[in-house]
Structure formats: C-alpha cells, structure tokens
C-alpha cells in the first residue's frame, strides 16, 4: 500500500479503528438480539403446543398458567422486537464495513478522502441507537487487537460490565486504559 499523506496518516488509522470498532459492536449486538429472538420464538412455539395439548386433554390446572406464560413471552417479542432490532444492527454493521472497505481500497488517501470518510461515519452515527458502553469498550479492544496486534486489552472492562454488556448502558462506568498498554 502506498503511504498516505503525512497529515492524513493518523487520521486514516483513527478512521479505520473507528469503523472496525463500530462494525464489531454491531456484529455482537446483532448476534445477541438474534439469539434472544430465537429463544423466545422457541418458547412461544413449545408453550403454545403444550397449551394446545393440555386443552385437548382437558387439563385445566396447568393450562391456565402455561397459557399466561406463553402469552407474556409472545408479548415480550412483540413489544421489544428483538428480531427487528437485530436487523437494524445488521444494517449498521454493513454500513461501517462499507466505510472500512472504502478506506482500505484507497492506496494513497489525502485530507479530502479523510474528510469524506469522517462525514460518512457521522451520517451513520445519526442512525445509531443509544450505545451500550461496556460492549463498545469490548469492541474497541477487539478492533485494537485486530489493527494493532495488541496482546492485552486497551480498555479495562470489569467482569460485571462484561456479563451485563447487552443489558445495561453502563453510562456511569469509566473504562480506563489498562496499565502498560501502549498505543
């Protein structure tokens, strides 16, 4: 690859990292939401089938509870639309990879190229749902490892933050740079 303009080299590195970090974030988010959607769909199918079987047998004691549980799971699917949200993240993931591909295919980027890529990233940010910060920190660590070959995570994410990264926003969390990590 030809070397970019000196003024643009750092910008290209940062843009590449940002695009990859955001793509990895949306890959993880999409996978988690798809998994939840599939589990809830399975629960509705199994619960509905069992409910129908109980009705056919005339078993009314367990039937009412099973029907209520199935209805609540179905309502959760409709209200939270996990499958639709997963598709939203799939679209965002693709857009970030498109920007990353544009960066990679330019052998000698200049300041105008960097400005165009930054503008495109800004357009994508406008369509983003609120960020889950612990998941974003994990995606940052993955992007840093992929681009820079880092052997240890750049940002410190606690075990609790990691386990709840798809559930809580962690807005009050501070993801410090790990000691000994070098840029």
C-alpha atoms as a PDB file:
ATOM      1  CA  UNK A   1       0.000   0.000   0.000  1.00  0.00           C
ATOM      2  CA  UNK A   2       1.288   3.448  -0.826  1.00  0.00           C
ATOM      3  CA  UNK A   3       1.818   5.688   2.156  1.00  0.00           C
ATOM      4  CA  UNK A   4      -0.903   8.281   2.722  1.00  0.00           C
ATOM      5  CA  UNK A   5      -0.123  11.982   3.102  1.00  0.00           C
ATOM      6  CA  UNK A   6       1.643  12.587   6.409  1.00  0.00           C
ATOM      7  CA  UNK A   7      -1.202  14.838   7.592  1.00  0.00           C
ATOM      8  CA  UNK A   8      -3.704  12.105   6.817  1.00  0.00           C
ATOM      9  CA  UNK A   9      -1.850   9.020   8.131  1.00  0.00           C
ATOM     10  CA  UNK A  10      -3.004   9.375  11.746  1.00  0.00           C
ATOM     11  CA  UNK A  11      -6.496  10.261  10.617  1.00  0.00           C
ATOM     12  CA  UNK A  12      -6.698   7.153   8.419  1.00  0.00           C
ATOM     13  CA  UNK A  13      -5.556   4.978  11.317  1.00  0.00           C
ATOM     14  CA  UNK A  14      -8.190   6.514  13.608  1.00  0.00           C
ATOM     15  CA  UNK A  15     -10.946   6.234  10.996  1.00  0.00           C
ATOM     16  CA  UNK A  16     -10.060   2.612  10.302  1.00  0.00           C
ATOM     17  CA  UNK A  17     -10.163   1.826  14.019  1.00  0.00           C
ATOM     18  CA  UNK A  18     -13.468   3.658  14.496  1.00  0.00           C
ATOM     19  CA  UNK A  19     -15.158   1.940  11.550  1.00  0.00           C
ATOM     20  CA  UNK A  20     -13.958  -1.505  12.655  1.00  0.00           C
ATOM     21  CA  UNK A  21     -14.867  -0.891  16.306  1.00  0.00           C
ATOM     22  CA  UNK A  22     -18.396   0.118  15.352  1.00  0.00           C
ATOM     23  CA  UNK A  23     -18.802  -2.789  12.921  1.00  0.00           C
ATOM     24  CA  UNK A  24     -17.687  -5.250  15.622  1.00  0.00           C
ATOM     25  CA  UNK A  25     -20.079  -3.615  18.106  1.00  0.00           C
ATOM     26  CA  UNK A  26     -22.994  -4.180  15.733  1.00  0.00           C
ATOM     27  CA  UNK A  27     -21.903  -7.752  14.954  1.00  0.00           C
ATOM     28  CA  UNK A  28     -22.035  -8.551  18.675  1.00  0.00           C
ATOM     29  CA  UNK A  29     -25.309  -6.711  19.240  1.00  0.00           C
ATOM     30  CA  UNK A  30     -26.981  -8.364  16.257  1.00  0.00           C
ATOM     31  CA  UNK A  31     -25.865 -11.819  17.401  1.00  0.00           C
ATOM     32  CA  UNK A  32     -27.183 -11.307  20.923  1.00  0.00           C
ATOM     33  CA  UNK A  33     -30.531  -9.922  19.769  1.00  0.00           C
ATOM     34  CA  UNK A  34     -30.943 -12.716  17.202  1.00  0.00           C
ATOM     35  CA  UNK A  35     -30.236 -15.279  19.924  1.00  0.00           C
ATOM     36  CA  UNK A  36     -32.815 -13.771  22.282  1.00  0.00           C
ATOM     37  CA  UNK A  37     -35.354 -13.636  19.462  1.00  0.00           C
ATOM     38  CA  UNK A  38     -34.820 -17.303  18.585  1.00  0.00           C
ATOM     39  CA  UNK A  39     -35.062 -18.439  22.201  1.00  0.00           C
ATOM     40  CA  UNK A  40     -38.298 -16.511  22.738  1.00  0.00           C
ATOM     41  CA  UNK A  41     -39.751 -17.792  19.450  1.00  0.00           C
ATOM     42  CA  UNK A  42     -38.941 -21.342  20.524  1.00  0.00           C
ATOM     43  CA  UNK A  43     -40.559 -20.740  23.921  1.00  0.00           C
ATOM     44  CA  UNK A  44     -43.742 -19.430  22.278  1.00  0.00           C
ATOM     45  CA  UNK A  45     -43.923 -22.418  19.912  1.00  0.00           C
ATOM     46  CA  UNK A  46     -43.239 -25.001  22.618  1.00  0.00           C
ATOM     47  CA  UNK A  47     -45.514 -23.258  25.119  1.00  0.00           C
ATOM     48  CA  UNK A  48     -48.317 -22.867  22.598  1.00  0.00           C
ATOM     49  CA  UNK A  49     -48.059 -26.513  21.565  1.00  0.00           C
ATOM     50  CA  UNK A  50     -48.106 -27.673  25.184  1.00  0.00           C
ATOM     51  CA  UNK A  51     -51.033 -25.355  25.881  1.00  0.00           C
ATOM     52  CA  UNK A  52     -52.985 -26.826  22.980  1.00  0.00           C
ATOM     53  CA  UNK A  53     -52.148 -30.364  24.148  1.00  0.00           C
ATOM     54  CA  UNK A  54     -53.336 -29.555  27.683  1.00  0.00           C
ATOM     55  CA  UNK A  55     -56.596 -28.161  26.339  1.00  0.00           C
ATOM     56  CA  UNK A  56     -57.087 -31.322  24.257  1.00  0.00           C
ATOM     57  CA  UNK A  57     -56.541 -33.474  27.363  1.00  0.00           C
ATOM     58  CA  UNK A  58     -58.898 -31.313  29.425  1.00  0.00           C
ATOM     59  CA  UNK A  59     -56.164 -30.452  31.955  1.00  0.00           C
ATOM     60  CA  UNK A  60     -57.258 -27.028  33.190  1.00  0.00           C
ATOM     61  CA  UNK A  61     -54.958 -26.588  36.220  1.00  0.00           C
ATOM     62  CA  UNK A  62     -51.653 -26.224  34.366  1.00  0.00           C
ATOM     63  CA  UNK A  63     -53.291 -24.952  31.193  1.00  0.00           C
ATOM     64  CA  UNK A  64     -54.092 -21.502  32.531  1.00  0.00           C
ATOM     65  CA  UNK A  65     -50.556 -20.897  33.835  1.00  0.00           C
ATOM     66  CA  UNK A  66     -48.942 -22.249  30.661  1.00  0.00           C
ATOM     67  CA  UNK A  67     -51.197 -20.083  28.509  1.00  0.00           C
ATOM     68  CA  UNK A  68     -50.338 -16.973  30.536  1.00  0.00           C
ATOM     69  CA  UNK A  69     -46.601 -17.637  30.360  1.00  0.00           C
ATOM     70  CA  UNK A  70     -46.781 -18.206  26.601  1.00  0.00           C
ATOM     71  CA  UNK A  71     -48.794 -15.004  26.156  1.00  0.00           C
ATOM     72  CA  UNK A  72     -46.265 -12.975  28.186  1.00  0.00           C
ATOM     73  CA  UNK A  73     -43.348 -14.347  26.159  1.00  0.00           C
ATOM     74  CA  UNK A  74     -45.182 -13.560  22.923  1.00  0.00           C
ATOM     75  CA  UNK A  75     -45.940 -10.044  24.180  1.00  0.00           C
ATOM     76  CA  UNK A  76     -42.254  -9.505  25.034  1.00  0.00           C
ATOM     77  CA  UNK A  77     -41.370 -10.486  21.479  1.00  0.00           C
ATOM     78  CA  UNK A  78     -43.869  -8.017  20.046  1.00  0.00           C
ATOM     79  CA  UNK A  79     -43.039  -5.126  22.366  1.00  0.00           C
ATOM     80  CA  UNK A  80     -39.248  -5.366  22.278  1.00  0.00           C
ATOM     81  CA  UNK A  81     -38.988  -6.634  18.662  1.00  0.00           C
ATOM     82  CA  UNK A  82     -35.649  -8.344  19.175  1.00  0.00           C
ATOM     83  CA  UNK A  83     -35.581  -9.632  15.586  1.00  0.00           C
ATOM     84  CA  UNK A  84     -36.247  -6.170  14.122  1.00  0.00           C
ATOM     85  CA  UNK A  85     -33.599  -4.613  16.320  1.00  0.00           C
ATOM     86  CA  UNK A  86     -31.136  -7.303  15.202  1.00  0.00           C
ATOM     87  CA  UNK A  87     -31.813  -6.332  11.557  1.00  0.00           C
ATOM     88  CA  UNK A  88     -31.164  -2.676  12.428  1.00  0.00           C
ATOM     89  CA  UNK A  89     -27.750  -3.646  13.797  1.00  0.00           C
ATOM     90  CA  UNK A  90     -27.091  -5.762  10.710  1.00  0.00           C
ATOM     91  CA  UNK A  91     -27.684  -2.716   8.502  1.00  0.00           C
ATOM     92  CA  UNK A  92     -25.427  -0.513  10.652  1.00  0.00           C
ATOM     93  CA  UNK A  93     -22.739  -3.223  10.638  1.00  0.00           C
ATOM     94  CA  UNK A  94     -22.818  -3.300   6.835  1.00  0.00           C
ATOM     95  CA  UNK A  95     -22.571   0.484   6.583  1.00  0.00           C
ATOM     96  CA  UNK A  96     -19.491   0.535   8.830  1.00  0.00           C
ATOM     97  CA  UNK A  97     -17.848  -2.244   6.818  1.00  0.00           C
ATOM     98  CA  UNK A  98     -18.614  -0.259   3.637  1.00  0.00           C
ATOM     99  CA  UNK A  99     -16.726   2.734   5.061  1.00  0.00           C
ATOM    100  CA  UNK A 100     -13.883   0.462   6.163  1.00  0.00           C
ATOM    101  CA  UNK A 101     -13.729  -1.016   2.645  1.00  0.00           C
ATOM    102  CA  UNK A 102     -13.578   2.478   1.125  1.00  0.00           C
ATOM    103  CA  UNK A 103     -10.672   3.322   3.439  1.00  0.00           C
ATOM    104  CA  UNK A 104      -8.859   0.086   2.590  1.00  0.00           C
ATOM    105  CA  UNK A 105      -9.265   0.432  -1.177  1.00  0.00           C
ATOM    106  CA  UNK A 106      -7.687   3.885  -1.275  1.00  0.00           C
ATOM    107  CA  UNK A 107      -3.947   3.364  -1.681  1.00  0.00           C
ATOM    108  CA  UNK A 108      -2.919   6.997  -1.151  1.00  0.00           C
ATOM    109  CA  UNK A 109      -5.582   8.826   0.844  1.00  0.00           C
ATOM    110  CA  UNK A 110      -5.431  12.580   1.195  1.00  0.00           C
ATOM    111  CA  UNK A 111      -7.142  15.022   3.546  1.00  0.00           C
ATOM    112  CA  UNK A 112     -10.229  15.219   1.319  1.00  0.00           C
ATOM    113  CA  UNK A 113     -10.624  11.419   1.486  1.00  0.00           C
ATOM    114  CA  UNK A 114     -10.320  11.537   5.268  1.00  0.00           C
ATOM    115  CA  UNK A 115     -12.923  14.290   5.473  1.00  0.00           C
ATOM    116  CA  UNK A 116     -15.317  12.290   3.273  1.00  0.00           C
ATOM    117  CA  UNK A 117     -14.919   9.139   5.413  1.00  0.00           C
ATOM    118  CA  UNK A 118     -15.361  11.116   8.615  1.00  0.00           C
ATOM    119  CA  UNK A 119     -18.543  12.671   7.192  1.00  0.00           C
ATOM    120  CA  UNK A 120     -19.875   9.232   6.265  1.00  0.00           C
ATOM    121  CA  UNK A 121     -19.191   7.944   9.788  1.00  0.00           C
ATOM    122  CA  UNK A 122     -21.049  10.969  11.166  1.00  0.00           C
ATOM    123  CA  UNK A 123     -24.051  10.168   8.944  1.00  0.00           C
ATOM    124  CA  UNK A 124     -24.102   6.629  10.320  1.00  0.00           C
ATOM    125  CA  UNK A 125     -23.883   7.887  13.922  1.00  0.00           C
ATOM    126  CA  UNK A 126     -27.159   9.742  13.348  1.00  0.00           C
ATOM    127  CA  UNK A 127     -28.928   6.378  12.831  1.00  0.00           C
ATOM    128  CA  UNK A 128     -27.378   4.684  15.859  1.00  0.00           C
ATOM    129  CA  UNK A 129     -29.447   3.586  18.848  1.00  0.00           C
ATOM    130  CA  UNK A 130     -28.045   4.513  22.277  1.00  0.00           C
ATOM    131  CA  UNK A 131     -24.643   2.915  22.830  1.00  0.00           C
ATOM    132  CA  UNK A 132     -24.075   0.152  25.351  1.00  0.00           C
ATOM    133  CA  UNK A 133     -20.760   1.473  26.647  1.00  0.00           C
ATOM    134  CA  UNK A 134     -19.313  -1.770  28.047  1.00  0.00           C
ATOM    135  CA  UNK A 135     -19.998  -3.525  24.750  1.00  0.00           C
ATOM    136  CA  UNK A 136     -18.411  -0.589  22.931  1.00  0.00           C
ATOM    137  CA  UNK A 137     -15.295  -0.856  25.129  1.00  0.00           C
ATOM    138  CA  UNK A 138     -15.060  -4.575  24.336  1.00  0.00           C
ATOM    139  CA  UNK A 139     -15.439  -3.829  20.603  1.00  0.00           C
ATOM    140  CA  UNK A 140     -12.713  -1.173  20.966  1.00  0.00           C
ATOM    141  CA  UNK A 141     -10.402  -3.792  22.478  1.00  0.00           C
ATOM    142  CA  UNK A 142     -11.171  -6.191  19.610  1.00  0.00           C
ATOM    143  CA  UNK A 143     -10.543  -3.525  16.961  1.00  0.00           C
ATOM    144  CA  UNK A 144      -7.308  -2.500  18.653  1.00  0.00           C
ATOM    145  CA  UNK A 145      -6.143  -6.122  18.690  1.00  0.00           C
ATOM    146  CA  UNK A 146      -7.089  -6.593  15.031  1.00  0.00           C
ATOM    147  CA  UNK A 147      -5.480  -3.407  13.729  1.00  0.00           C
ATOM    148  CA  UNK A 148      -2.506  -3.032  16.044  1.00  0.00           C
ATOM    149  CA  UNK A 149      -1.929  -6.618  17.138  1.00  0.00           C
ATOM    150  CA  UNK A 150      -2.334  -5.681  20.795  1.00  0.00           C
ATOM    151  CA  UNK A 151      -1.805  -8.631  23.095  1.00  0.00           C
ATOM    152  CA  UNK A 152      -3.757  -7.229  26.030  1.00  0.00           C
ATOM    153  CA  UNK A 153      -6.987  -5.228  26.112  1.00  0.00           C
ATOM    154  CA  UNK A 154      -6.550  -1.471  25.827  1.00  0.00           C
ATOM    155  CA  UNK A 155      -9.620  -0.636  27.915  1.00  0.00           C
ATOM    156  CA  UNK A 156     -10.386  -2.228  31.268  1.00  0.00           C
ATOM    157  CA  UNK A 157     -13.850  -3.825  31.419  1.00  0.00           C
ATOM    158  CA  UNK A 158     -14.845  -5.455  34.708  1.00  0.00           C
ATOM    159  CA  UNK A 159     -16.338  -8.943  34.855  1.00  0.00           C
ATOM    160  CA  UNK A 160     -19.733  -7.485  35.837  1.00  0.00           C
ATOM    161  CA  UNK A 161     -19.644  -4.975  32.959  1.00  0.00           C
ATOM    162  CA  UNK A 162     -18.706  -7.740  30.549  1.00  0.00           C
ATOM    163  CA  UNK A 163     -21.505 -10.027  31.727  1.00  0.00           C
ATOM    164  CA  UNK A 164     -24.139  -7.276  31.512  1.00  0.00           C
ATOM    165  CA  UNK A 165     -22.839  -5.557  28.377  1.00  0.00           C
ATOM    166  CA  UNK A 166     -26.007  -6.317  26.369  1.00  0.00           C
ATOM    167  CA  UNK A 167     -28.411  -5.411  29.174  1.00  0.00           C
ATOM    168  CA  UNK A 168     -27.234  -2.199  30.856  1.00  0.00           C
ATOM    169  CA  UNK A 169     -25.931   1.033  29.326  1.00  0.00           C
ATOM    170  CA  UNK A 170     -23.179   1.466  31.948  1.00  0.00           C
ATOM    171  CA  UNK A 171     -23.302   5.231  31.496  1.00  0.00           C
ATOM    172  CA  UNK A 172     -21.610   5.805  34.840  1.00  0.00           C
ATOM    173  CA  UNK A 173     -18.801   3.349  34.047  1.00  0.00           C
ATOM    174  CA  UNK A 174     -15.312   4.580  33.312  1.00  0.00           C
ATOM    175  CA  UNK A 175     -13.287   2.376  31.016  1.00  0.00           C
ATOM    176  CA  UNK A 176      -9.710   3.271  31.868  1.00  0.00           C
ATOM    177  CA  UNK A 177      -6.766   2.430  29.649  1.00  0.00           C
ATOM    178  CA  UNK A 178      -5.010  -0.602  31.143  1.00  0.00           C
ATOM    179  CA  UNK A 179      -1.617  -0.033  32.706  1.00  0.00           C
ATOM    180  CA  UNK A 180       1.265  -0.928  30.453  1.00  0.00           C
ATOM    181  CA  UNK A 181      -0.823  -0.624  27.307  1.00  0.00           C
ATOM    182  CA  UNK A 182       0.977   1.256  24.589  1.00  0.00           C
ATOM    183  CA  UNK A 183      -0.556   2.966  21.603  1.00  0.00           C
END
